[in-house]
C-alpha atoms as a PDB file:
ATOM      1  CA  MET A   1       9.478  21.827 -35.570  1.00  0.00           C
ATOM      2  CA  SER A   2       6.554  19.412 -35.617  1.00  0.00           C
ATOM      3  CA  CYS A   3       3.680  19.532 -33.127  1.00  0.00           C
ATOM      4  CA  PHE A   4       4.633  16.047 -31.928  1.00  0.00           C
ATOM      5  CA  TYR A   5       8.221  17.094 -31.247  1.00  0.00           C
ATOM      6  CA  ARG A   6       7.072  20.226 -29.413  1.00  0.00           C
ATOM      7  CA  PHE A   7       4.696  18.112 -27.285  1.00  0.00           C
ATOM      8  CA  ALA A   8       7.579  15.750 -26.436  1.00  0.00           C
ATOM      9  CA  GLN A   9       9.698  18.741 -25.396  1.00  0.00           C
ATOM     10  CA  LEU A  10       6.998  20.077 -23.071  1.00  0.00           C
ATOM     11  CA  PHE A  11       6.238  16.650 -21.602  1.00  0.00           C
ATOM     12  CA  SER A  12       9.938  16.014 -20.902  1.00  0.00           C
ATOM     13  CA  TYR A  13      10.448  19.441 -19.368  1.00  0.00           C
ATOM     14  CA  PHE A  14       7.506  19.141 -16.964  1.00  0.00           C
ATOM     15  CA  TYR A  15       8.517  15.619 -15.968  1.00  0.00           C
ATOM     16  CA  PHE A  16      12.082  16.718 -15.180  1.00  0.00           C
ATOM     17  CA  LYS A  17      10.881  19.859 -13.416  1.00  0.00           C
ATOM     18  CA  ILE A  18       8.366  18.048 -11.203  1.00  0.00           C
ATOM     19  CA  PHE A  19      10.350  14.905 -10.359  1.00  0.00           C
ATOM     20  CA  HIS A  20      13.976  16.053 -10.641  1.00  0.00           C
ATOM     21  CA  ARG A  21      14.017  19.802  -9.799  1.00  0.00           C
ATOM     22  CA  PHE A  22      15.312  20.451 -13.312  1.00  0.00           C
ATOM     23  CA  GLU A  23      17.614  23.455 -13.742  1.00  0.00           C
ATOM     24  CA  VAL A  24      18.903  24.887 -17.033  1.00  0.00           C
ATOM     25  CA  LYS A  25      21.699  27.461 -17.291  1.00  0.00           C
ATOM     26  CA  GLY A  26      23.457  29.182 -20.173  1.00  0.00           C
ATOM     27  CA  MET A  27      20.482  29.517 -22.507  1.00  0.00           C
ATOM     28  CA  ASN A  28      21.968  32.814 -23.701  1.00  0.00           C
ATOM     29  CA  ASN A  29      24.767  30.788 -25.334  1.00  0.00           C
ATOM     30  CA  VAL A  30      22.386  28.867 -27.606  1.00  0.00           C
ATOM     31  CA  PRO A  31      22.369  30.093 -31.254  1.00  0.00           C
ATOM     32  CA  LEU A  32      18.858  30.998 -32.365  1.00  0.00           C
ATOM     33  CA  ALA A  33      19.274  30.520 -36.109  1.00  0.00           C
ATOM     34  CA  GLU A  34      22.484  28.872 -37.330  1.00  0.00           C
ATOM     35  CA  SER A  35      23.162  25.156 -37.366  1.00  0.00           C
ATOM     36  CA  PHE A  36      25.541  23.784 -34.739  1.00  0.00           C
ATOM     37  CA  ILE A  37      26.657  20.591 -33.049  1.00  0.00           C
ATOM     38  CA  LEU A  38      25.551  20.284 -29.418  1.00  0.00           C
ATOM     39  CA  ALA A  39      28.296  18.312 -27.644  1.00  0.00           C
ATOM     40  CA  SER A  40      27.677  16.957 -24.152  1.00  0.00           C
ATOM     41  CA  ASN A  41      28.926  14.399 -21.675  1.00  0.00           C
ATOM     42  CA  HIS A  42      26.789  11.237 -21.571  1.00  0.00           C
ATOM     43  CA  LEU A  43      25.560   9.676 -18.329  1.00  0.00           C
ATOM     44  CA  SER A  44      22.116   8.196 -18.988  1.00  0.00           C
ATOM     45  CA  PHE A  45      19.367   7.404 -21.480  1.00  0.00           C
ATOM     46  CA  ILE A  46      17.543  10.532 -20.251  1.00  0.00           C
ATOM     47  CA  ASP A  47      20.325  12.833 -21.478  1.00  0.00           C
ATOM     48  CA  PRO A  48      18.902  13.524 -24.981  1.00  0.00           C
ATOM     49  CA  PRO A  49      15.468  14.743 -23.809  1.00  0.00           C
ATOM     50  CA  ALA A  50      17.054  16.667 -20.926  1.00  0.00           C
ATOM     51  CA  LEU A  51      19.459  18.445 -23.277  1.00  0.00           C
ATOM     52  CA  GLY A  52      16.806  19.200 -25.873  1.00  0.00           C
ATOM     53  CA  CYS A  53      13.583  19.939 -24.002  1.00  0.00           C
ATOM     54  CA  LYS A  54      14.302  23.634 -23.370  1.00  0.00           C
ATOM     55  CA  LEU A  55      16.059  24.419 -26.636  1.00  0.00           C
ATOM     56  CA  PRO A  56      13.975  26.630 -28.954  1.00  0.00           C
ATOM     57  CA  ARG A  57      15.449  24.648 -31.855  1.00  0.00           C
ATOM     58  CA  ASN A  58      14.610  21.537 -33.868  1.00  0.00           C
ATOM     59  CA  LEU A  59      17.361  19.387 -32.343  1.00  0.00           C
ATOM     60  CA  HIS A  60      18.300  16.097 -34.059  1.00  0.00           C
ATOM     61  CA  TYR A  61      19.717  13.031 -32.349  1.00  0.00           C
ATOM     62  CA  PHE A  62      21.545   9.796 -33.090  1.00  0.00           C
ATOM     63  CA  ALA A  63      19.884   6.503 -32.163  1.00  0.00           C
ATOM     64  CA  ARG A  64      20.971   2.892 -32.668  1.00  0.00           C
ATOM     65  CA  ASP A  65      19.726   1.563 -35.989  1.00  0.00           C
ATOM     66  CA  SER A  66      18.358  -1.550 -34.232  1.00  0.00           C
ATOM     67  CA  LEU A  67      15.743   0.662 -32.516  1.00  0.00           C
ATOM     68  CA  PHE A  68      14.113   1.726 -35.793  1.00  0.00           C
ATOM     69  CA  ARG A  69      11.658  -1.154 -35.894  1.00  0.00           C
ATOM     70  CA  GLY A  70       7.975  -1.465 -35.057  1.00  0.00           C
ATOM     71  CA  PRO A  71       6.121   1.067 -32.867  1.00  0.00           C
ATOM     72  CA  LEU A  72       9.338   2.307 -31.222  1.00  0.00           C
ATOM     73  CA  GLY A  73      10.875   3.038 -34.598  1.00  0.00           C
ATOM     74  CA  PHE A  74       7.740   4.932 -35.645  1.00  0.00           C
ATOM     75  CA  LEU A  75       8.014   7.037 -32.475  1.00  0.00           C
ATOM     76  CA  ILE A  76      11.697   7.899 -32.509  1.00  0.00           C
ATOM     77  CA  ARG A  77      11.637   8.848 -36.185  1.00  0.00           C
ATOM     78  CA  ARG A  78       9.206  11.607 -35.239  1.00  0.00           C
ATOM     79  CA  LEU A  79      11.585  12.777 -32.536  1.00  0.00           C
ATOM     80  CA  ASN A  80      14.235  13.750 -35.111  1.00  0.00           C
ATOM     81  CA  SER A  81      16.318  10.611 -34.550  1.00  0.00           C
ATOM     82  CA  ILE A  82      18.954   9.546 -37.069  1.00  0.00           C
ATOM     83  CA  PRO A  83      19.721   5.799 -37.281  1.00  0.00           C
ATOM     84  CA  VAL A  84      23.382   4.997 -36.752  1.00  0.00           C
ATOM     85  CA  ASN A  85      25.456   1.834 -36.651  1.00  0.00           C
ATOM     86  CA  ARG A  86      27.426   2.010 -33.394  1.00  0.00           C
ATOM     87  CA  ASP A  87      30.422   0.307 -34.990  1.00  0.00           C
ATOM     88  CA  ARG A  88      30.836   2.695 -37.900  1.00  0.00           C
ATOM     89  CA  LEU A  89      29.446   5.871 -39.500  1.00  0.00           C
ATOM     90  CA  ASP A  90      28.297   4.731 -42.927  1.00  0.00           C
ATOM     91  CA  LEU A  91      27.909   6.956 -45.981  1.00  0.00           C
ATOM     92  CA  LYS A  92      24.102   7.092 -45.757  1.00  0.00           C
ATOM     93  CA  THR A  93      24.188   8.296 -42.139  1.00  0.00           C
ATOM     94  CA  TYR A  94      26.922  10.792 -42.942  1.00  0.00           C
ATOM     95  CA  ARG A  95      24.811  12.282 -45.740  1.00  0.00           C
ATOM     96  CA  MET A  96      21.772  12.515 -43.450  1.00  0.00           C
ATOM     97  CA  VAL A  97      23.836  14.344 -40.838  1.00  0.00           C
ATOM     98  CA  LEU A  98      25.165  16.859 -43.342  1.00  0.00           C
ATOM     99  CA  SER A  99      21.629  17.369 -44.681  1.00  0.00           C
ATOM    100  CA  VAL A 100      20.340  18.133 -41.172  1.00  0.00           C
ATOM    101  CA  LEU A 101      23.098  20.698 -40.613  1.00  0.00           C
ATOM    102  CA  ASP A 102      22.789  22.166 -44.112  1.00  0.00           C
ATOM    103  CA  ASP A 103      19.096  22.796 -43.379  1.00  0.00           C
ATOM    104  CA  GLY A 104      20.110  24.966 -40.424  1.00  0.00           C
ATOM    105  CA  ASN A 105      19.258  22.474 -37.665  1.00  0.00           C
ATOM    106  CA  PRO A 106      21.368  21.558 -34.618  1.00  0.00           C
ATOM    107  CA  LEU A 107      22.626  18.013 -33.975  1.00  0.00           C
ATOM    108  CA  LEU A 108      23.339  16.375 -30.606  1.00  0.00           C
ATOM    109  CA  VAL A 109      26.573  14.362 -30.409  1.00  0.00           C
ATOM    110  CA  PHE A 110      28.179  12.694 -27.392  1.00  0.00           C
ATOM    111  CA  PRO A 111      31.987  12.993 -27.836  1.00  0.00           C
ATOM    112  CA  GLU A 112      32.640  10.041 -25.506  1.00  0.00           C
ATOM    113  CA  GLY A 113      30.607   7.806 -27.783  1.00  0.00           C
ATOM    114  CA  THR A 114      28.782   5.950 -25.017  1.00  0.00           C
ATOM    115  CA  ARG A 115      27.430   6.395 -21.489  1.00  0.00           C
ATOM    116  CA  SER A 116      29.874   6.804 -18.628  1.00  0.00           C
ATOM    117  CA  ARG A 117      30.170   3.696 -16.445  1.00  0.00           C
ATOM    118  CA  ASP A 118      31.177   5.638 -13.324  1.00  0.00           C
ATOM    119  CA  GLY A 119      29.651   9.109 -13.758  1.00  0.00           C
ATOM    120  CA  ARG A 120      32.956  10.745 -14.675  1.00  0.00           C
ATOM    121  CA  LEU A 121      34.011  12.308 -17.969  1.00  0.00           C
ATOM    122  CA  SER A 122      36.151  10.111 -20.188  1.00  0.00           C
ATOM    123  CA  THR A 123      38.276  10.342 -23.345  1.00  0.00           C
ATOM    124  CA  PRO A 124      36.506  11.643 -26.475  1.00  0.00           C
ATOM    125  CA  GLN A 125      36.337   9.685 -29.716  1.00  0.00           C
ATOM    126  CA  LYS A 126      37.640  11.385 -32.840  1.00  0.00           C
ATOM    127  CA  GLY A 127      34.305  10.869 -34.663  1.00  0.00           C
ATOM    128  CA  ILE A 128      32.988  14.222 -33.457  1.00  0.00           C
ATOM    129  CA  GLY A 129      36.171  15.868 -34.743  1.00  0.00           C
ATOM    130  CA  PHE A 130      35.516  14.352 -38.148  1.00  0.00           C
ATOM    131  CA  LEU A 131      31.913  15.648 -38.174  1.00  0.00           C
ATOM    132  CA  VAL A 132      32.954  19.143 -37.107  1.00  0.00           C
ATOM    133  CA  ALA A 133      35.715  19.321 -39.714  1.00  0.00           C
ATOM    134  CA  LYS A 134      33.504  18.095 -42.555  1.00  0.00           C
ATOM    135  CA  SER A 135      30.434  20.161 -41.659  1.00  0.00           C
ATOM    136  CA  GLY A 136      32.231  23.402 -40.775  1.00  0.00           C
ATOM    137  CA  VAL A 137      29.690  24.327 -38.081  1.00  0.00           C
ATOM    138  CA  SER A 138      30.147  25.769 -34.607  1.00  0.00           C
ATOM    139  CA  VAL A 139      30.019  23.601 -31.483  1.00  0.00           C
ATOM    140  CA  LEU A 140      27.946  24.298 -28.376  1.00  0.00           C
ATOM    141  CA  PRO A 141      29.439  22.436 -25.391  1.00  0.00           C
ATOM    142  CA  ALA A 142      27.053  21.358 -22.651  1.00  0.00           C
ATOM    143  CA  ARG A 143      27.332  19.543 -19.350  1.00  0.00           C
ATOM    144  CA  ILE A 144      24.626  17.461 -17.755  1.00  0.00           C
ATOM    145  CA  GLU A 145      24.700  16.637 -14.052  1.00  0.00           C
ATOM    146  CA  GLY A 146      22.537  14.281 -12.013  1.00  0.00           C
ATOM    147  CA  SER A 147      21.364  11.938 -14.755  1.00  0.00           C
ATOM    148  CA  PHE A 148      23.888   9.250 -13.722  1.00  0.00           C
ATOM    149  CA  GLU A 149      22.294   9.104 -10.271  1.00  0.00           C
ATOM    150  CA  ILE A 150      18.791   9.252 -11.741  1.00  0.00           C
ATOM    151  CA  LEU A 151      19.090   6.520 -14.383  1.00  0.00           C
ATOM    152  CA  GLY A 152      22.707   5.570 -14.943  1.00  0.00           C
ATOM    153  CA  PRO A 153      23.867   2.206 -16.333  1.00  0.00           C
ATOM    154  CA  GLY A 154      22.466  -0.628 -14.236  1.00  0.00           C
ATOM    155  CA  ARG A 155      19.383   1.233 -12.965  1.00  0.00           C
ATOM    156  CA  ARG A 156      16.022  -0.046 -14.210  1.00  0.00           C
ATOM    157  CA  PHE A 157      13.868   2.768 -12.818  1.00  0.00           C
ATOM    158  CA  PRO A 158      14.593   6.491 -12.334  1.00  0.00           C
ATOM    159  CA  TYR A 159      15.530   7.728  -8.882  1.00  0.00           C
ATOM    160  CA  LEU A 160      12.803  10.303  -8.264  1.00  0.00           C
ATOM    161  CA  GLY A 161      13.763  13.437  -6.374  1.00  0.00           C
ATOM    162  CA  LYS A 162      17.368  13.522  -7.570  1.00  0.00           C
ATOM    163  CA  LYS A 163      18.283  16.907  -9.050  1.00  0.00           C
ATOM    164  CA  LEU A 164      18.985  17.229 -12.777  1.00  0.00           C
ATOM    165  CA  LYS A 165      20.962  20.126 -14.226  1.00  0.00           C
ATOM    166  CA  VAL A 166      21.967  21.139 -17.759  1.00  0.00           C
ATOM    167  CA  THR A 167      24.433  23.943 -18.501  1.00  0.00           C
ATOM    168  CA  TYR A 168      25.226  25.225 -21.994  1.00  0.00           C
ATOM    169  CA  GLY A 169      28.743  26.639 -22.275  1.00  0.00           C
ATOM    170  CA  ARG A 170      30.399  29.195 -24.530  1.00  0.00           C
ATOM    171  CA  LEU A 171      29.960  28.543 -28.239  1.00  0.00           C
ATOM    172  CA  LEU A 172      33.100  27.273 -29.985  1.00  0.00           C
ATOM    173  CA  SER A 173      33.031  29.072 -33.328  1.00  0.00           C
ATOM    174  CA  SER A 174      33.559  27.355 -36.653  1.00  0.00           C
ATOM    175  CA  GLU A 175      36.626  29.566 -37.138  1.00  0.00           C
ATOM    176  CA  GLU A 176      38.145  28.306 -33.879  1.00  0.00           C
ATOM    177  CA  MET A 177      37.487  24.709 -34.902  1.00  0.00           C
ATOM    178  CA  LYS A 178      38.962  25.293 -38.354  1.00  0.00           C
ATOM    179  CA  LEU A 179      42.281  26.419 -36.858  1.00  0.00           C
ATOM    180  CA  LEU A 180      42.643  22.999 -35.232  1.00  0.00           C
ATOM    181  CA  GLU A 181      42.425  21.308 -38.630  1.00  0.00           C
ATOM    182  CA  GLU A 182      45.997  22.454 -39.249  1.00  0.00           C
ATOM    183  CA  ALA A 183      47.292  20.447 -36.277  1.00  0.00           C
ATOM    184  CA  GLU A 184      48.673  16.913 -36.420  1.00  0.00           C
ATOM    185  CA  ASN A 185      45.827  14.379 -36.024  1.00  0.00           C
ATOM    186  CA  PRO A 186      43.250  17.196 -36.413  1.00  0.00           C
ATOM    187  CA  HIS A 187      40.093  15.175 -35.743  1.00  0.00           C
ATOM    188  CA  GLN A 188      41.394  14.017 -32.374  1.00  0.00           C
ATOM    189  CA  LYS A 189      42.561  17.552 -31.541  1.00  0.00           C
ATOM    190  CA  ILE A 190      39.093  18.943 -32.275  1.00  0.00           C
ATOM    191  CA  ALA A 191      37.499  16.210 -30.140  1.00  0.00           C
ATOM    192  CA  GLU A 192      39.867  16.968 -27.258  1.00  0.00           C
ATOM    193  CA  ARG A 193      39.177  20.727 -27.472  1.00  0.00           C
ATOM    194  CA  ILE A 194      35.442  20.061 -27.309  1.00  0.00           C
ATOM    195  CA  MET A 195      35.836  17.717 -24.347  1.00  0.00           C
ATOM    196  CA  SER A 196      38.011  20.312 -22.606  1.00  0.00           C
ATOM    197  CA  ALA A 197      35.245  22.902 -23.079  1.00  0.00           C
ATOM    198  CA  ILE A 198      32.740  20.486 -21.499  1.00  0.00           C
ATOM    199  CA  ARG A 199      35.058  19.969 -18.504  1.00  0.00           C
ATOM    200  CA  GLU A 200      35.384  23.741 -18.035  1.00  0.00           C
ATOM    201  CA  ILE A 201      31.608  24.212 -17.603  1.00  0.00           C
ATOM    202  CA  GLU A 202      30.638  24.840 -13.977  1.00  0.00           C
END
């Protein structure tokens, strides 16, 4: 973990704590050594830093490839971001993802593929099922609450004072995920199991 990334974690945490009464639960479910995919619902642009700022791990993220230009691109590269084409997962990105996981790092993925338009959970895309099946890693489900009200689609500025909460659920083992590969349409089945685990988090 770089000093810059650690600084970004601390800055994000104190901002959320001071302005949004930030609460984190389920830290005991977070693996301390092995690689895993962190799967969460997606409500706002603030979700990635909220999900990662308290993790004692070098979490990696996806970001639109169009953002990797100029000063912004310089910044997000140092925040462990992986450029991705929103329309398709190309071979280069796929190899980068597997390299991140092979190195023992966790990766954040949003099963729904995009931010919720109404604050509710929606249908998962099978892309996360493909990644889980090909990587063979465990999945840590997480649920974020409050970020839709703070900075959901359509809001230009954060709503200060609104509470933000992140809960990490029970780890879905690689063995449990592997059993689903025997089902019909396995990638979709894995995605649905992950989304079900997110819904079950209280």
